[in-house]
Protein backbone atom coordinates (compact mmCIF):
# COMPACT_ATOMS: atom_id res chain seq x y z
CA UNK A 1 0.00 0.00 0.00
CA UNK A 2 1.60 3.23 -1.14
CA UNK A 3 1.01 6.69 0.28
CA UNK A 4 -0.47 9.02 -2.30
CA UNK A 5 -1.02 12.77 -2.20
CA UNK A 6 -3.93 15.05 -3.06
CA UNK A 7 -3.28 18.72 -3.72
CA UNK A 8 -5.61 21.70 -3.52
CA UNK A 9 -3.73 24.90 -4.21
CA UNK A 10 -0.83 25.06 -1.72
CA UNK A 11 -2.30 22.35 0.55
CA UNK A 12 -1.04 18.78 0.14
CA UNK A 13 -2.72 15.88 1.98
CA UNK A 14 -1.22 12.38 2.20
CA UNK A 15 -3.67 9.48 1.99
CA UNK A 16 -3.83 5.72 1.68
CA UNK A 17 -6.64 3.72 0.13
CA UNK A 18 -7.81 1.01 2.52
CA UNK A 19 -10.50 -1.39 1.43
CA UNK A 20 -12.17 -2.30 -1.79
CA UNK A 21 -13.67 -0.33 -4.61
CA UNK A 22 -17.06 1.31 -4.34
CA UNK A 23 -18.72 2.84 -1.33
CA UNK A 24 -18.30 6.34 0.04
CA UNK A 25 -14.89 7.73 1.05
CA UNK A 26 -14.25 8.45 4.73
CA UNK A 27 -11.84 11.18 5.86
CA UNK A 28 -10.36 10.79 9.35
CA UNK A 29 -8.40 13.75 10.74
CA UNK A 30 -6.23 13.64 13.85
CA UNK A 31 -3.78 16.11 15.36
CA UNK A 32 -0.11 16.50 14.60
CA UNK A 33 2.18 13.64 15.55
CA UNK A 34 -0.39 10.85 15.59
CA UNK A 35 -0.84 8.29 12.83
CA UNK A 36 -3.92 6.49 11.55
CA UNK A 37 -2.97 3.40 13.57
CA UNK A 38 -4.56 4.97 16.68
CA UNK A 39 -8.03 4.33 15.22
CA UNK A 40 -9.40 0.79 15.74
PDB file of N, CA and C in Angstrom:
ATOM      1  N   UNK A   1       0.860  -1.176   0.000  1.00  0.00           N
ATOM      2  CA  UNK A   1       0.000   0.000   0.000  1.00  0.00           C
ATOM      3  C   UNK A   1       0.900   1.230   0.000  1.00  0.00           C
ATOM      4  N   UNK A   2       0.758   2.045  -0.994  1.00  0.00           N
ATOM      5  CA  UNK A   2       1.597   3.231  -1.144  1.00  0.00           C
ATOM      6  C   UNK A   2       0.844   4.480  -0.680  1.00  0.00           C
ATOM      7  N   UNK A   3       1.584   5.400  -0.094  1.00  0.00           N
ATOM      8  CA  UNK A   3       1.009   6.692   0.282  1.00  0.00           C
ATOM      9  C   UNK A   3       0.910   7.545  -0.968  1.00  0.00           C
ATOM     10  N   UNK A   4      -0.255   8.121  -1.168  1.00  0.00           N
ATOM     11  CA  UNK A   4      -0.471   9.021  -2.301  1.00  0.00           C
ATOM     12  C   UNK A   4      -0.784  10.404  -1.755  1.00  0.00           C
ATOM     13  N   UNK A   5      -0.806  11.401  -2.627  1.00  0.00           N
ATOM     14  CA  UNK A   5      -1.020  12.775  -2.199  1.00  0.00           C
ATOM     15  C   UNK A   5      -2.087  13.435  -3.048  1.00  0.00           C
ATOM     16  N   UNK A   6      -2.936  14.222  -2.386  1.00  0.00           N
ATOM     17  CA  UNK A   6      -3.930  15.055  -3.061  1.00  0.00           C
ATOM     18  C   UNK A   6      -3.535  16.498  -2.824  1.00  0.00           C
ATOM     19  N   UNK A   7      -3.671  17.324  -3.833  1.00  0.00           N
ATOM     20  CA  UNK A   7      -3.276  18.720  -3.725  1.00  0.00           C
ATOM     21  C   UNK A   7      -4.461  19.607  -4.062  1.00  0.00           C
ATOM     22  N   UNK A   8      -4.605  20.676  -3.273  1.00  0.00           N
ATOM     23  CA  UNK A   8      -5.608  21.705  -3.520  1.00  0.00           C
ATOM     24  C   UNK A   8      -4.921  23.036  -3.285  1.00  0.00           C
ATOM     25  N   UNK A   9      -4.499  23.668  -4.355  1.00  0.00           N
ATOM     26  CA  UNK A   9      -3.726  24.905  -4.211  1.00  0.00           C
ATOM     27  C   UNK A   9      -2.392  24.602  -3.550  1.00  0.00           C
ATOM     28  N   UNK A  10      -2.094  25.267  -2.434  1.00  0.00           N
ATOM     29  CA  UNK A  10      -0.833  25.060  -1.721  1.00  0.00           C
ATOM     30  C   UNK A  10      -0.920  23.959  -0.674  1.00  0.00           C
ATOM     31  N   UNK A  11      -2.099  23.386  -0.471  1.00  0.00           N
ATOM     32  CA  UNK A  11      -2.297  22.352   0.549  1.00  0.00           C
ATOM     33  C   UNK A  11      -2.081  20.973  -0.076  1.00  0.00           C
ATOM     34  N   UNK A  12      -1.276  20.139   0.593  1.00  0.00           N
ATOM     35  CA  UNK A  12      -1.037  18.775   0.142  1.00  0.00           C
ATOM     36  C   UNK A  12      -1.405  17.816   1.273  1.00  0.00           C
ATOM     37  N   UNK A  13      -2.257  16.841   0.994  1.00  0.00           N
ATOM     38  CA  UNK A  13      -2.717  15.877   1.983  1.00  0.00           C
ATOM     39  C   UNK A  13      -2.283  14.480   1.556  1.00  0.00           C
ATOM     40  N   UNK A  14      -1.614  13.758   2.466  1.00  0.00           N
ATOM     41  CA  UNK A  14      -1.223  12.377   2.202  1.00  0.00           C
ATOM     42  C   UNK A  14      -2.399  11.467   2.531  1.00  0.00           C
ATOM     43  N   UNK A  15      -2.583  10.416   1.721  1.00  0.00           N
ATOM     44  CA  UNK A  15      -3.667   9.476   1.994  1.00  0.00           C
ATOM     45  C   UNK A  15      -3.284   8.085   1.535  1.00  0.00           C
ATOM     46  N   UNK A  16      -3.966   7.108   2.100  1.00  0.00           N
ATOM     47  CA  UNK A  16      -3.828   5.724   1.684  1.00  0.00           C
ATOM     48  C   UNK A  16      -5.220   5.183   1.428  1.00  0.00           C
ATOM     49  N   UNK A  17      -5.355   4.357   0.411  1.00  0.00           N
ATOM     50  CA  UNK A  17      -6.637   3.723   0.128  1.00  0.00           C
ATOM     51  C   UNK A  17      -6.676   2.388   0.849  1.00  0.00           C
ATOM     52  N   UNK A  18      -7.642   2.241   1.749  1.00  0.00           N
ATOM     53  CA  UNK A  18      -7.811   1.013   2.518  1.00  0.00           C
ATOM     54  C   UNK A  18      -9.175   0.434   2.188  1.00  0.00           C
ATOM     55  N   UNK A  19      -9.223  -0.779   1.750  1.00  0.00           N
ATOM     56  CA  UNK A  19     -10.501  -1.389   1.434  1.00  0.00           C
ATOM     57  C   UNK A  19     -10.695  -1.552  -0.054  1.00  0.00           C
ATOM     58  N   UNK A  20     -11.863  -2.002  -0.408  1.00  0.00           N
ATOM     59  CA  UNK A  20     -12.172  -2.302  -1.794  1.00  0.00           C
ATOM     60  C   UNK A  20     -12.702  -1.103  -2.552  1.00  0.00           C
ATOM     61  N   UNK A  21     -13.112  -1.387  -3.775  1.00  0.00           N
ATOM     62  CA  UNK A  21     -13.674  -0.328  -4.612  1.00  0.00           C
ATOM     63  C   UNK A  21     -15.147  -0.132  -4.270  1.00  0.00           C
ATOM     64  N   UNK A  22     -15.663   1.007  -4.604  1.00  0.00           N
ATOM     65  CA  UNK A  22     -17.065   1.311  -4.338  1.00  0.00           C
ATOM     66  C   UNK A  22     -17.240   1.882  -2.940  1.00  0.00           C
ATOM     67  N   UNK A  23     -18.441   2.258  -2.637  1.00  0.00           N
ATOM     68  CA  UNK A  23     -18.723   2.844  -1.334  1.00  0.00           C
ATOM     69  C   UNK A  23     -18.337   4.310  -1.287  1.00  0.00           C
ATOM     70  N   UNK A  24     -18.604   4.927  -0.150  1.00  0.00           N
ATOM     71  CA  UNK A  24     -18.296   6.341   0.042  1.00  0.00           C
ATOM     72  C   UNK A  24     -16.955   6.489   0.745  1.00  0.00           C
ATOM     73  N   UNK A  25     -16.161   7.494   0.360  1.00  0.00           N
ATOM     74  CA  UNK A  25     -14.890   7.734   1.051  1.00  0.00           C
ATOM     75  C   UNK A  25     -15.125   8.261   2.466  1.00  0.00           C
ATOM     76  N   UNK A  26     -14.179   7.989   3.350  1.00  0.00           N
ATOM     77  CA  UNK A  26     -14.249   8.455   4.733  1.00  0.00           C
ATOM     78  C   UNK A  26     -12.940   9.152   5.052  1.00  0.00           C
ATOM     79  N   UNK A  27     -13.018  10.390   5.502  1.00  0.00           N
ATOM     80  CA  UNK A  27     -11.843  11.178   5.856  1.00  0.00           C
ATOM     81  C   UNK A  27     -11.733  11.240   7.366  1.00  0.00           C
ATOM     82  N   UNK A  28     -10.623  10.732   7.917  1.00  0.00           N
ATOM     83  CA  UNK A  28     -10.360  10.791   9.349  1.00  0.00           C
ATOM     84  C   UNK A  28      -9.224  11.778   9.570  1.00  0.00           C
ATOM     85  N   UNK A  29      -9.398  12.716  10.486  1.00  0.00           N
ATOM     86  CA  UNK A  29      -8.400  13.750  10.738  1.00  0.00           C
ATOM     87  C   UNK A  29      -8.014  13.698  12.208  1.00  0.00           C
ATOM     88  N   UNK A  30      -6.721  13.655  12.481  1.00  0.00           N
ATOM     89  CA  UNK A  30      -6.228  13.639  13.851  1.00  0.00           C
ATOM     90  C   UNK A  30      -5.106  14.675  13.954  1.00  0.00           C
ATOM     91  N   UNK A  31      -4.787  15.078  15.141  1.00  0.00           N
ATOM     92  CA  UNK A  31      -3.784  16.112  15.363  1.00  0.00           C
ATOM     93  C   UNK A  31      -2.369  15.718  14.947  1.00  0.00           C
ATOM     94  N   UNK A  32      -1.501  16.664  14.985  1.00  0.00           N
ATOM     95  CA  UNK A  32      -0.105  16.500  14.599  1.00  0.00           C
ATOM     96  C   UNK A  32       0.588  15.441  15.452  1.00  0.00           C
ATOM     97  N   UNK A  33       1.367  14.604  14.829  1.00  0.00           N
ATOM     98  CA  UNK A  33       2.184  13.643  15.547  1.00  0.00           C
ATOM     99  C   UNK A  33       1.503  12.328  15.867  1.00  0.00           C
ATOM    100  N   UNK A  34       0.314  12.095  15.347  1.00  0.00           N
ATOM    101  CA  UNK A  34      -0.393  10.845  15.589  1.00  0.00           C
ATOM    102  C   UNK A  34      -0.773  10.230  14.251  1.00  0.00           C
ATOM    103  N   UNK A  35      -0.554   8.942  14.108  1.00  0.00           N
ATOM    104  CA  UNK A  35      -0.843   8.289  12.835  1.00  0.00           C
ATOM    105  C   UNK A  35      -2.223   7.658  12.833  1.00  0.00           C
ATOM    106  N   UNK A  36      -2.614   7.126  11.703  1.00  0.00           N
ATOM    107  CA  UNK A  36      -3.923   6.493  11.551  1.00  0.00           C
ATOM    108  C   UNK A  36      -4.036   5.213  12.351  1.00  0.00           C
ATOM    109  N   UNK A  37      -2.948   4.661  12.832  1.00  0.00           N
ATOM    110  CA  UNK A  37      -2.966   3.402  13.566  1.00  0.00           C
ATOM    111  C   UNK A  37      -3.592   3.546  14.951  1.00  0.00           C
ATOM    112  N   UNK A  38      -3.892   4.757  15.395  1.00  0.00           N
ATOM    113  CA  UNK A  38      -4.558   4.974  16.676  1.00  0.00           C
ATOM    114  C   UNK A  38      -6.041   4.667  16.602  1.00  0.00           C
ATOM    115  N   UNK A  39      -6.623   4.662  15.386  1.00  0.00           N
ATOM    116  CA  UNK A  39      -8.034   4.326  15.219  1.00  0.00           C
ATOM    117  C   UNK A  39      -8.178   2.812  15.146  1.00  0.00           C
ATOM    118  N   UNK A  40      -9.196   2.254  15.808  1.00  0.00           N
ATOM    119  CA  UNK A  40      -9.397   0.795  15.739  1.00  0.00           C
ATOM    120  C   UNK A  40      -9.854   0.375  14.335  1.00  0.00           C
TER     121      UNK A  40
END
